[in-house]
N, C-alpha and C. Protein backbone atom coordinates (compact mmCIF):
# COMPACT_ATOMS: atom_id res chain seq x y z
N MET A 1 -72.87 88.67 -117.17
CA MET A 1 -73.34 89.09 -118.63
C MET A 1 -74.95 89.04 -118.36
N ARG A 2 -75.59 90.13 -119.11
CA ARG A 2 -77.13 89.60 -119.19
C ARG A 2 -77.60 89.31 -120.34
N ALA A 3 -78.32 88.67 -120.50
CA ALA A 3 -79.14 87.62 -121.54
C ALA A 3 -79.95 88.81 -122.14
N CYS A 4 -80.15 89.08 -123.32
CA CYS A 4 -80.81 89.58 -124.50
C CYS A 4 -82.21 88.94 -124.89
N SER A 5 -83.36 89.60 -124.54
CA SER A 5 -84.57 89.03 -124.73
C SER A 5 -85.28 89.25 -126.16
N ASP A 6 -85.25 90.48 -126.52
CA ASP A 6 -85.69 90.42 -127.95
C ASP A 6 -84.68 90.74 -128.83
N SER A 7 -84.01 91.90 -128.99
CA SER A 7 -83.26 92.34 -130.01
C SER A 7 -81.69 92.80 -129.12
N SER A 8 -80.95 92.30 -129.98
CA SER A 8 -79.36 92.37 -129.58
C SER A 8 -79.03 93.84 -129.58
N SER A 9 -79.44 94.51 -130.61
CA SER A 9 -79.10 95.88 -130.50
C SER A 9 -79.76 96.58 -129.34
N LEU A 10 -80.75 96.28 -128.72
CA LEU A 10 -81.35 96.98 -127.91
C LEU A 10 -80.68 96.84 -126.38
N CYS A 11 -80.17 95.30 -126.60
CA CYS A 11 -79.41 95.02 -125.33
C CYS A 11 -77.51 96.04 -125.22
N VAL A 12 -77.22 95.95 -126.58
CA VAL A 12 -76.18 96.50 -126.45
C VAL A 12 -76.15 97.98 -126.15
N PHE A 13 -77.36 98.64 -126.60
CA PHE A 13 -77.51 100.19 -126.09
C PHE A 13 -77.82 100.32 -125.01
N SER A 14 -78.45 99.41 -124.16
CA SER A 14 -78.81 99.43 -123.08
C SER A 14 -77.32 99.14 -121.87
N ASP A 15 -76.39 98.33 -122.52
CA ASP A 15 -75.10 98.47 -122.03
C ASP A 15 -74.38 99.28 -122.24
N PHE A 16 -74.27 99.95 -123.37
CA PHE A 16 -73.81 101.28 -123.50
C PHE A 16 -73.96 102.31 -122.90
N HIS A 17 -75.21 102.50 -122.34
CA HIS A 17 -76.07 103.76 -121.82
C HIS A 17 -75.65 103.13 -120.32
N GLY A 18 -75.68 102.38 -119.91
CA GLY A 18 -74.97 101.88 -118.66
C GLY A 18 -73.49 102.42 -118.33
N PHE A 19 -72.75 102.22 -119.22
CA PHE A 19 -71.39 102.72 -119.48
C PHE A 19 -71.23 104.12 -119.37
N ILE A 20 -71.91 104.79 -120.43
CA ILE A 20 -72.07 106.28 -120.18
C ILE A 20 -72.20 106.78 -118.87
N SER A 21 -73.37 106.11 -118.25
CA SER A 21 -73.71 106.60 -116.72
C SER A 21 -72.51 106.47 -115.81
N LEU A 22 -72.07 105.56 -115.97
CA LEU A 22 -70.99 105.10 -115.23
C LEU A 22 -69.71 105.75 -115.47
N SER A 23 -69.46 106.02 -116.45
CA SER A 23 -68.26 107.01 -116.86
C SER A 23 -68.38 108.59 -116.27
N SER A 24 -69.52 109.02 -116.60
CA SER A 24 -70.10 110.49 -116.37
C SER A 24 -70.29 110.65 -114.85
N THR A 25 -70.52 109.51 -114.14
CA THR A 25 -70.37 109.59 -112.66
C THR A 25 -69.00 109.76 -112.07
N LEU A 26 -68.56 108.90 -112.55
CA LEU A 26 -66.75 108.99 -112.24
C LEU A 26 -66.20 110.08 -112.71
N GLY A 27 -66.52 110.99 -114.02
CA GLY A 27 -66.03 112.16 -114.13
C GLY A 27 -66.51 113.18 -113.12
N ILE A 28 -67.74 113.10 -112.86
CA ILE A 28 -68.18 114.35 -111.86
C ILE A 28 -67.54 113.82 -110.41
N SER A 29 -67.22 112.77 -110.20
CA SER A 29 -66.35 112.38 -108.79
C SER A 29 -65.06 113.20 -108.82
N ILE A 30 -64.29 112.86 -110.11
CA ILE A 30 -63.04 113.43 -110.20
C ILE A 30 -63.20 114.88 -110.62
N LEU A 31 -64.27 115.44 -111.13
CA LEU A 31 -64.32 117.03 -111.19
C LEU A 31 -64.40 117.44 -109.77
N SER A 32 -65.04 116.57 -109.03
CA SER A 32 -65.51 117.21 -107.46
C SER A 32 -63.98 117.12 -106.94
N PHE A 33 -63.31 116.23 -107.03
CA PHE A 33 -62.28 116.10 -106.16
C PHE A 33 -60.98 116.95 -106.70
N LEU A 34 -60.86 117.41 -107.88
CA LEU A 34 -59.97 118.45 -108.38
C LEU A 34 -60.68 119.63 -107.80
N CYS A 35 -61.94 119.99 -107.88
CA CYS A 35 -62.38 120.98 -107.37
C CYS A 35 -61.95 121.26 -106.00
N ALA A 36 -61.78 120.32 -104.99
CA ALA A 36 -61.63 120.30 -103.70
C ALA A 36 -60.27 120.56 -103.43
N MET A 37 -59.48 119.93 -104.20
CA MET A 37 -57.91 120.26 -104.27
C MET A 37 -57.46 121.36 -104.64
N TYR A 38 -58.05 122.25 -105.50
CA TYR A 38 -57.82 123.32 -106.13
C TYR A 38 -58.23 124.57 -104.91
N ALA A 39 -59.19 124.06 -104.49
CA ALA A 39 -59.84 124.92 -103.13
C ALA A 39 -58.94 125.25 -102.06
N SER A 40 -58.37 124.07 -101.59
CA SER A 40 -57.44 123.53 -100.66
C SER A 40 -55.86 124.37 -100.74
N ILE A 41 -55.76 124.12 -102.13
CA ILE A 41 -54.64 124.73 -102.15
C ILE A 41 -54.51 126.53 -102.23
N GLN A 42 -55.67 127.15 -102.52
CA GLN A 42 -56.06 128.63 -102.77
C GLN A 42 -56.00 128.44 -101.42
N CYS A 43 -56.64 127.97 -100.34
CA CYS A 43 -56.83 128.37 -99.19
C CYS A 43 -55.24 128.21 -98.27
N VAL A 44 -54.36 127.48 -98.89
CA VAL A 44 -53.16 127.27 -98.14
C VAL A 44 -52.51 128.75 -98.64
N PHE A 45 -52.52 129.02 -99.80
CA PHE A 45 -51.66 130.22 -100.24
C PHE A 45 -52.61 131.57 -99.77
N VAL A 46 -53.64 131.57 -99.18
CA VAL A 46 -54.43 132.75 -98.72
C VAL A 46 -53.80 133.02 -97.18
N PHE A 47 -53.61 131.62 -96.73
CA PHE A 47 -53.38 132.08 -95.39
C PHE A 47 -51.52 132.39 -95.66
N ARG A 48 -50.81 131.74 -96.31
CA ARG A 48 -49.38 132.09 -96.30
C ARG A 48 -49.36 133.54 -96.68
N ILE A 49 -50.26 134.00 -97.61
CA ILE A 49 -49.96 135.53 -97.94
C ILE A 49 -50.44 136.31 -96.89
N ALA A 50 -51.48 136.08 -95.78
CA ALA A 50 -51.90 136.70 -94.50
C ALA A 50 -50.76 136.26 -93.46
N PHE A 51 -50.14 135.28 -93.54
CA PHE A 51 -48.89 135.11 -92.40
C PHE A 51 -47.64 136.06 -92.89
N ASP A 52 -47.83 136.35 -94.13
CA ASP A 52 -46.31 137.26 -94.54
C ASP A 52 -46.74 138.34 -94.29
N ALA A 53 -47.90 138.95 -94.96
CA ALA A 53 -48.33 140.21 -94.40
C ALA A 53 -48.23 140.75 -92.96
N ALA A 54 -48.84 139.81 -92.06
CA ALA A 54 -48.87 140.11 -90.69
C ALA A 54 -47.25 140.11 -90.38
N VAL A 55 -46.23 139.32 -90.47
CA VAL A 55 -44.84 139.39 -90.31
C VAL A 55 -44.25 140.45 -90.55
N TYR A 56 -44.81 140.86 -91.96
CA TYR A 56 -44.12 142.14 -92.66
C TYR A 56 -44.42 143.31 -91.66
N LEU A 57 -45.61 143.27 -91.60
CA LEU A 57 -46.27 144.71 -90.56
C LEU A 57 -45.70 144.56 -89.38
N THR A 58 -45.63 143.59 -88.63
CA THR A 58 -44.88 143.49 -87.43
C THR A 58 -43.43 143.92 -87.32
N SER A 59 -42.79 143.33 -88.63
CA SER A 59 -41.27 143.89 -88.10
C SER A 59 -41.32 145.39 -88.69
N MET A 60 -42.07 145.99 -89.61
CA MET A 60 -42.16 147.17 -89.83
C MET A 60 -42.37 148.30 -88.79
N VAL A 61 -43.50 147.54 -88.08
CA VAL A 61 -43.92 148.29 -86.35
C VAL A 61 -42.50 148.54 -86.06
N ALA A 62 -41.90 147.37 -85.38
CA ALA A 62 -40.60 146.85 -84.42
C ALA A 62 -39.71 148.00 -84.82
N LEU A 63 -39.65 148.18 -86.16
CA LEU A 63 -38.31 148.93 -87.08
C LEU A 63 -38.54 150.43 -86.55
N LEU A 64 -39.93 151.00 -87.03
CA LEU A 64 -40.25 152.30 -86.68
C LEU A 64 -40.38 152.50 -85.18
N TYR A 65 -40.60 151.83 -84.28
CA TYR A 65 -40.35 151.74 -82.80
C TYR A 65 -39.20 152.04 -82.60
N LEU A 66 -37.85 151.13 -82.89
CA LEU A 66 -36.85 150.94 -82.72
C LEU A 66 -36.24 152.17 -83.28
N ASN A 67 -36.55 152.72 -84.27
CA ASN A 67 -35.98 154.04 -84.69
C ASN A 67 -36.46 155.04 -84.03
N ASN A 68 -37.84 155.19 -83.41
CA ASN A 68 -38.41 156.26 -82.68
C ASN A 68 -37.55 156.31 -81.53
N SER A 69 -37.59 154.90 -81.14
CA SER A 69 -36.82 155.42 -79.54
C SER A 69 -35.26 155.71 -79.62
N SER A 70 -34.82 155.26 -80.77
CA SER A 70 -33.27 155.43 -80.82
C SER A 70 -32.92 156.91 -81.06
N MET A 71 -34.26 157.72 -81.65
CA MET A 71 -34.10 159.30 -82.17
C MET A 71 -34.31 159.88 -80.75
N VAL A 72 -35.26 159.43 -79.93
CA VAL A 72 -35.20 159.82 -78.42
C VAL A 72 -34.42 160.18 -77.56
N GLY A 73 -33.50 159.42 -77.72
CA GLY A 73 -32.62 159.21 -77.08
C GLY A 73 -31.20 160.00 -76.98
N VAL A 74 -31.35 160.58 -78.50
CA VAL A 74 -29.98 161.43 -79.15
C VAL A 74 -30.36 162.76 -78.30
């Protein structure tokens, strides 16, 4: 604990200011962590949508190719 030199209210204000500084720094780090987590989740969703689209397009091309090749044989 710190010793107060002149006024106890000044010492309390100084301690309170340090607490506010600590809590705001902690709040900023929690906010940055949440933003990073949100960005990584969004990145996973984007890659999943791209993968699903690639699988869908590949299957459609394969079905069209099989359908056309079966019509040519008739």
